[in-house]
Amino acid sequence: MKTTQSLKGNYAFRRLYTKGKSSVQPAVVLYCRKNGARQNRLGLTVGTKVGKAVVRNRVRRRLREIYRLHEGEFRQGWDLVVVARSCAAEAAYGELERQLLRAAGRLGLLAP
């Protein structure tokens, strides 16, 4: 990820959940909030309801790769948190990609 940092710290995640905007899709929920910087910060959350460790890590890798491939399409200066829902484990890669980009589009995160 060229211009994206990892979002770390419980405080940053909690602030996004409470004060950020969100878009819900069947497999993912995307939270966003302006961060006042020139780069994006990305956080991924995959809970134990998604599956065991192998499945959670696979979903996490897929979401990270989807973001990496489409990073140039996202506006800069945002904090993003992607929360995987339980059906993300069975979803195909293309379906996850489509849902994440649709959620980003609804929030106005994709550059024209």
N, C-alpha and C. Protein backbone atom coordinates (compact mmCIF):
# COMPACT_ATOMS: atom_id res chain seq x y z
N MET A 1 0.83 -1.16 0.00
CA MET A 1 0.00 0.00 0.00
C MET A 1 0.88 1.24 0.00
N LYS A 2 0.79 1.99 -1.05
CA LYS A 2 1.70 3.11 -1.27
C LYS A 2 1.51 4.23 -0.25
N THR A 3 0.34 4.77 -0.19
CA THR A 3 0.12 5.95 0.63
C THR A 3 -0.80 5.67 1.80
N THR A 4 -0.92 4.43 2.20
CA THR A 4 -1.83 4.07 3.27
C THR A 4 -1.06 3.50 4.45
N GLN A 5 -1.44 3.95 5.64
CA GLN A 5 -0.87 3.40 6.86
C GLN A 5 -1.90 2.50 7.51
N SER A 6 -1.44 1.68 8.44
CA SER A 6 -2.35 0.85 9.22
C SER A 6 -2.98 1.69 10.32
N LEU A 7 -4.24 1.44 10.55
CA LEU A 7 -4.93 2.09 11.67
C LEU A 7 -4.78 1.18 12.88
N LYS A 8 -4.16 1.70 13.91
CA LYS A 8 -3.91 0.90 15.10
C LYS A 8 -4.43 1.62 16.32
N GLY A 9 -4.66 0.89 17.35
CA GLY A 9 -5.12 1.48 18.60
C GLY A 9 -6.63 1.41 18.72
N ASN A 10 -7.07 0.96 19.86
CA ASN A 10 -8.49 0.80 20.13
C ASN A 10 -9.22 2.14 20.04
N TYR A 11 -8.57 3.21 20.47
CA TYR A 11 -9.20 4.53 20.47
C TYR A 11 -9.58 4.96 19.04
N ALA A 12 -8.71 4.73 18.10
CA ALA A 12 -8.98 5.13 16.71
C ALA A 12 -10.17 4.35 16.14
N PHE A 13 -10.24 3.06 16.45
CA PHE A 13 -11.35 2.25 15.97
C PHE A 13 -12.66 2.71 16.62
N ARG A 14 -12.65 2.92 17.92
CA ARG A 14 -13.87 3.35 18.63
C ARG A 14 -14.37 4.70 18.12
N ARG A 15 -13.44 5.62 17.85
CA ARG A 15 -13.83 6.93 17.34
C ARG A 15 -14.53 6.81 15.99
N LEU A 16 -14.02 5.92 15.15
CA LEU A 16 -14.66 5.72 13.85
C LEU A 16 -16.04 5.09 13.99
N TYR A 17 -16.17 4.13 14.89
CA TYR A 17 -17.47 3.48 15.08
C TYR A 17 -18.52 4.47 15.57
N THR A 18 -18.13 5.41 16.43
CA THR A 18 -19.12 6.31 17.01
C THR A 18 -19.33 7.58 16.19
N LYS A 19 -18.27 8.15 15.62
CA LYS A 19 -18.39 9.44 14.95
C LYS A 19 -18.28 9.38 13.44
N GLY A 20 -17.96 8.21 12.89
CA GLY A 20 -17.79 8.10 11.45
C GLY A 20 -19.08 7.75 10.73
N LYS A 21 -19.03 7.83 9.42
CA LYS A 21 -20.15 7.42 8.58
C LYS A 21 -19.94 5.96 8.21
N SER A 22 -21.01 5.25 7.91
CA SER A 22 -20.88 3.84 7.59
C SER A 22 -21.76 3.47 6.41
N SER A 23 -21.35 2.40 5.75
CA SER A 23 -22.14 1.82 4.67
C SER A 23 -22.13 0.31 4.86
N VAL A 24 -23.31 -0.29 4.83
CA VAL A 24 -23.46 -1.71 5.14
C VAL A 24 -23.74 -2.49 3.86
N GLN A 25 -23.01 -3.56 3.70
CA GLN A 25 -23.22 -4.52 2.62
C GLN A 25 -23.38 -5.89 3.27
N PRO A 26 -23.85 -6.90 2.55
CA PRO A 26 -24.03 -8.22 3.17
C PRO A 26 -22.75 -8.82 3.75
N ALA A 27 -21.60 -8.60 3.13
CA ALA A 27 -20.37 -9.22 3.60
C ALA A 27 -19.44 -8.27 4.35
N VAL A 28 -19.59 -6.96 4.14
CA VAL A 28 -18.68 -6.00 4.79
C VAL A 28 -19.45 -4.77 5.24
N VAL A 29 -18.89 -4.11 6.26
CA VAL A 29 -19.35 -2.80 6.69
C VAL A 29 -18.14 -1.89 6.62
N LEU A 30 -18.29 -0.72 6.01
CA LEU A 30 -17.20 0.22 5.85
C LEU A 30 -17.51 1.48 6.65
N TYR A 31 -16.60 1.83 7.56
CA TYR A 31 -16.70 3.06 8.34
C TYR A 31 -15.63 4.03 7.82
N CYS A 32 -15.96 5.32 7.79
CA CYS A 32 -14.97 6.29 7.33
C CYS A 32 -15.13 7.60 8.09
N ARG A 33 -14.03 8.33 8.15
CA ARG A 33 -14.00 9.65 8.78
C ARG A 33 -12.76 10.37 8.29
N LYS A 34 -12.88 11.68 8.04
CA LYS A 34 -11.72 12.46 7.62
C LYS A 34 -10.68 12.47 8.73
N ASN A 35 -9.38 12.41 8.33
CA ASN A 35 -8.33 12.40 9.34
C ASN A 35 -7.43 13.63 9.29
N GLY A 36 -7.61 14.51 8.32
CA GLY A 36 -6.83 15.74 8.26
C GLY A 36 -5.40 15.55 7.78
N ALA A 37 -5.06 14.38 7.28
CA ALA A 37 -3.72 14.12 6.76
C ALA A 37 -3.80 13.94 5.25
N ARG A 38 -2.65 13.72 4.64
CA ARG A 38 -2.62 13.52 3.19
C ARG A 38 -2.71 12.06 2.78
N GLN A 39 -2.82 11.19 3.74
CA GLN A 39 -2.87 9.77 3.41
C GLN A 39 -4.00 9.09 4.16
N ASN A 40 -4.37 7.93 3.67
CA ASN A 40 -5.41 7.15 4.30
C ASN A 40 -4.81 6.26 5.36
N ARG A 41 -5.64 5.89 6.32
CA ARG A 41 -5.27 4.88 7.30
C ARG A 41 -6.34 3.80 7.25
N LEU A 42 -5.92 2.55 7.14
CA LEU A 42 -6.84 1.43 6.96
C LEU A 42 -6.77 0.49 8.14
N GLY A 43 -7.94 0.13 8.66
CA GLY A 43 -8.04 -0.88 9.70
C GLY A 43 -8.98 -1.97 9.26
N LEU A 44 -8.65 -3.20 9.58
CA LEU A 44 -9.48 -4.35 9.23
C LEU A 44 -9.91 -5.05 10.51
N THR A 45 -11.19 -5.43 10.57
CA THR A 45 -11.71 -6.16 11.72
C THR A 45 -12.43 -7.39 11.20
N VAL A 46 -11.97 -8.54 11.68
CA VAL A 46 -12.61 -9.80 11.32
C VAL A 46 -12.83 -10.56 12.62
N GLY A 47 -14.07 -10.62 13.07
CA GLY A 47 -14.40 -11.23 14.35
C GLY A 47 -14.45 -12.74 14.30
N THR A 48 -14.58 -13.33 15.47
CA THR A 48 -14.58 -14.79 15.56
C THR A 48 -15.84 -15.42 14.97
N LYS A 49 -16.89 -14.64 14.77
CA LYS A 49 -18.09 -15.17 14.14
C LYS A 49 -17.85 -15.55 12.68
N VAL A 50 -16.83 -14.96 12.07
CA VAL A 50 -16.52 -15.25 10.67
C VAL A 50 -16.01 -16.68 10.53
N GLY A 51 -15.25 -17.15 11.49
CA GLY A 51 -14.73 -18.50 11.43
C GLY A 51 -13.49 -18.64 12.29
N LYS A 52 -12.83 -19.77 12.13
CA LYS A 52 -11.61 -19.99 12.89
C LYS A 52 -10.46 -19.18 12.29
N ALA A 53 -9.29 -19.26 12.88
CA ALA A 53 -8.16 -18.39 12.54
C ALA A 53 -7.79 -18.45 11.06
N VAL A 54 -7.80 -19.63 10.49
CA VAL A 54 -7.41 -19.77 9.08
C VAL A 54 -8.39 -19.01 8.19
N VAL A 55 -9.66 -19.13 8.47
CA VAL A 55 -10.69 -18.46 7.68
C VAL A 55 -10.61 -16.95 7.88
N ARG A 56 -10.45 -16.51 9.12
CA ARG A 56 -10.36 -15.07 9.39
C ARG A 56 -9.16 -14.46 8.69
N ASN A 57 -8.03 -15.14 8.73
CA ASN A 57 -6.83 -14.61 8.07
C ASN A 57 -7.00 -14.57 6.55
N ARG A 58 -7.70 -15.54 5.98
CA ARG A 58 -7.95 -15.52 4.54
C ARG A 58 -8.81 -14.33 4.16
N VAL A 59 -9.86 -14.08 4.94
CA VAL A 59 -10.73 -12.93 4.67
C VAL A 59 -9.94 -11.63 4.81
N ARG A 60 -9.10 -11.54 5.84
CA ARG A 60 -8.28 -10.34 6.06
C ARG A 60 -7.33 -10.11 4.89
N ARG A 61 -6.69 -11.17 4.42
CA ARG A 61 -5.77 -11.04 3.27
C ARG A 61 -6.51 -10.60 2.02
N ARG A 62 -7.70 -11.14 1.80
CA ARG A 62 -8.48 -10.75 0.62
C ARG A 62 -8.87 -9.29 0.68
N LEU A 63 -9.34 -8.83 1.83
CA LEU A 63 -9.75 -7.43 1.95
C LEU A 63 -8.57 -6.49 1.78
N ARG A 64 -7.43 -6.86 2.34
CA ARG A 64 -6.23 -6.03 2.20
C ARG A 64 -5.80 -5.96 0.74
N GLU A 65 -5.87 -7.06 0.03
CA GLU A 65 -5.48 -7.08 -1.38
C GLU A 65 -6.46 -6.28 -2.24
N ILE A 66 -7.74 -6.39 -1.95
CA ILE A 66 -8.73 -5.60 -2.69
C ILE A 66 -8.45 -4.12 -2.53
N TYR A 67 -8.17 -3.70 -1.30
CA TYR A 67 -7.86 -2.29 -1.07
C TYR A 67 -6.57 -1.90 -1.79
N ARG A 68 -5.56 -2.76 -1.72
CA ARG A 68 -4.27 -2.44 -2.36
C ARG A 68 -4.42 -2.24 -3.86
N LEU A 69 -5.21 -3.09 -4.50
CA LEU A 69 -5.38 -2.99 -5.95
C LEU A 69 -6.17 -1.74 -6.36
N HIS A 70 -7.06 -1.28 -5.49
CA HIS A 70 -7.91 -0.13 -5.82
C HIS A 70 -7.52 1.12 -5.03
N GLU A 71 -6.35 1.11 -4.43
CA GLU A 71 -5.92 2.22 -3.58
C GLU A 71 -5.90 3.55 -4.33
N GLY A 72 -5.53 3.54 -5.59
CA GLY A 72 -5.48 4.77 -6.37
C GLY A 72 -6.84 5.38 -6.63
N GLU A 73 -7.90 4.61 -6.49
CA GLU A 73 -9.25 5.11 -6.74
C GLU A 73 -9.84 5.82 -5.53
N PHE A 74 -9.25 5.63 -4.35
CA PHE A 74 -9.79 6.20 -3.12
C PHE A 74 -9.28 7.62 -2.94
N ARG A 75 -10.14 8.49 -2.41
CA ARG A 75 -9.73 9.84 -2.04
C ARG A 75 -8.75 9.75 -0.88
N GLN A 76 -7.86 10.72 -0.79
CA GLN A 76 -6.85 10.72 0.27
C GLN A 76 -7.33 11.52 1.48
N GLY A 77 -6.81 11.18 2.65
CA GLY A 77 -7.13 11.91 3.87
C GLY A 77 -8.27 11.33 4.68
N TRP A 78 -8.46 10.02 4.62
CA TRP A 78 -9.56 9.37 5.32
C TRP A 78 -9.04 8.25 6.21
N ASP A 79 -9.72 8.04 7.33
CA ASP A 79 -9.56 6.84 8.14
C ASP A 79 -10.64 5.87 7.71
N LEU A 80 -10.26 4.64 7.44
CA LEU A 80 -11.20 3.62 6.97
C LEU A 80 -11.10 2.40 7.87
N VAL A 81 -12.24 1.84 8.23
CA VAL A 81 -12.28 0.56 8.93
C VAL A 81 -13.24 -0.33 8.17
N VAL A 82 -12.74 -1.51 7.79
CA VAL A 82 -13.55 -2.51 7.10
C VAL A 82 -13.84 -3.62 8.10
N VAL A 83 -15.11 -3.87 8.35
CA VAL A 83 -15.53 -4.93 9.27
C VAL A 83 -16.13 -6.04 8.42
N ALA A 84 -15.54 -7.22 8.53
CA ALA A 84 -16.05 -8.38 7.78
C ALA A 84 -17.22 -8.99 8.55
N ARG A 85 -18.29 -9.27 7.85
CA ARG A 85 -19.43 -9.92 8.46
C ARG A 85 -19.32 -11.43 8.25
N SER A 86 -20.20 -12.18 8.89
CA SER A 86 -20.05 -13.63 8.91
C SER A 86 -20.12 -14.27 7.52
N CYS A 87 -20.88 -13.69 6.60
CA CYS A 87 -20.99 -14.29 5.27
C CYS A 87 -19.78 -13.99 4.40
N ALA A 88 -18.83 -13.18 4.90
CA ALA A 88 -17.62 -12.90 4.12
C ALA A 88 -16.76 -14.14 3.95
N ALA A 89 -16.88 -15.11 4.84
CA ALA A 89 -16.09 -16.33 4.75
C ALA A 89 -16.46 -17.14 3.51
N GLU A 90 -17.74 -17.16 3.16
CA GLU A 90 -18.19 -17.94 2.00
C GLU A 90 -18.20 -17.14 0.71
N ALA A 91 -18.06 -15.84 0.81
CA ALA A 91 -18.14 -14.98 -0.38
C ALA A 91 -16.91 -15.16 -1.27
N ALA A 92 -17.13 -15.13 -2.56
CA ALA A 92 -16.04 -15.22 -3.52
C ALA A 92 -15.27 -13.90 -3.52
N TYR A 93 -14.05 -13.95 -4.02
CA TYR A 93 -13.20 -12.76 -4.05
C TYR A 93 -13.88 -11.63 -4.82
N GLY A 94 -14.44 -11.94 -5.98
CA GLY A 94 -15.10 -10.92 -6.79
C GLY A 94 -16.29 -10.29 -6.09
N GLU A 95 -17.01 -11.09 -5.32
CA GLU A 95 -18.15 -10.57 -4.58
C GLU A 95 -17.69 -9.62 -3.46
N LEU A 96 -16.63 -10.00 -2.75
CA LEU A 96 -16.07 -9.11 -1.73
C LEU A 96 -15.60 -7.80 -2.34
N GLU A 97 -14.94 -7.90 -3.48
CA GLU A 97 -14.44 -6.71 -4.17
C GLU A 97 -15.59 -5.79 -4.56
N ARG A 98 -16.63 -6.37 -5.14
CA ARG A 98 -17.78 -5.58 -5.59
C ARG A 98 -18.46 -4.89 -4.41
N GLN A 99 -18.62 -5.61 -3.30
CA GLN A 99 -19.31 -5.03 -2.15
C GLN A 99 -18.48 -3.94 -1.48
N LEU A 100 -17.17 -4.14 -1.38
CA LEU A 100 -16.32 -3.11 -0.76
C LEU A 100 -16.32 -1.83 -1.61
N LEU A 101 -16.21 -1.97 -2.92
CA LEU A 101 -16.22 -0.80 -3.79
C LEU A 101 -17.59 -0.11 -3.81
N ARG A 102 -18.65 -0.88 -3.71
CA ARG A 102 -19.99 -0.29 -3.66
C ARG A 102 -20.16 0.51 -2.36
N ALA A 103 -19.68 -0.04 -1.25
CA ALA A 103 -19.77 0.67 0.02
C ALA A 103 -18.95 1.96 -0.03
N ALA A 104 -17.76 1.90 -0.62
CA ALA A 104 -16.92 3.09 -0.74
C ALA A 104 -17.58 4.13 -1.64
N GLY A 105 -18.20 3.68 -2.71
CA GLY A 105 -18.90 4.60 -3.60
C GLY A 105 -20.07 5.30 -2.93
N ARG A 106 -20.80 4.58 -2.10
CA ARG A 106 -21.94 5.18 -1.40
C ARG A 106 -21.50 6.23 -0.39
N LEU A 107 -20.29 6.07 0.15
CA LEU A 107 -19.77 7.04 1.11
C LEU A 107 -19.02 8.19 0.44
N GLY A 108 -18.89 8.14 -0.89
CA GLY A 108 -18.19 9.19 -1.61
C GLY A 108 -16.69 9.12 -1.47
N LEU A 109 -16.16 7.94 -1.24
CA LEU A 109 -14.72 7.78 -1.05
C LEU A 109 -13.96 7.55 -2.34
N LEU A 110 -14.65 7.24 -3.41
CA LEU A 110 -13.98 6.97 -4.67
C LEU A 110 -13.82 8.27 -5.45
N ALA A 111 -12.61 8.50 -5.92
CA ALA A 111 -12.32 9.70 -6.71
C ALA A 111 -13.01 9.59 -8.07
N PRO A 112 -13.45 10.71 -8.63
CA PRO A 112 -14.13 10.65 -9.93
C PRO A 112 -13.18 10.30 -11.06
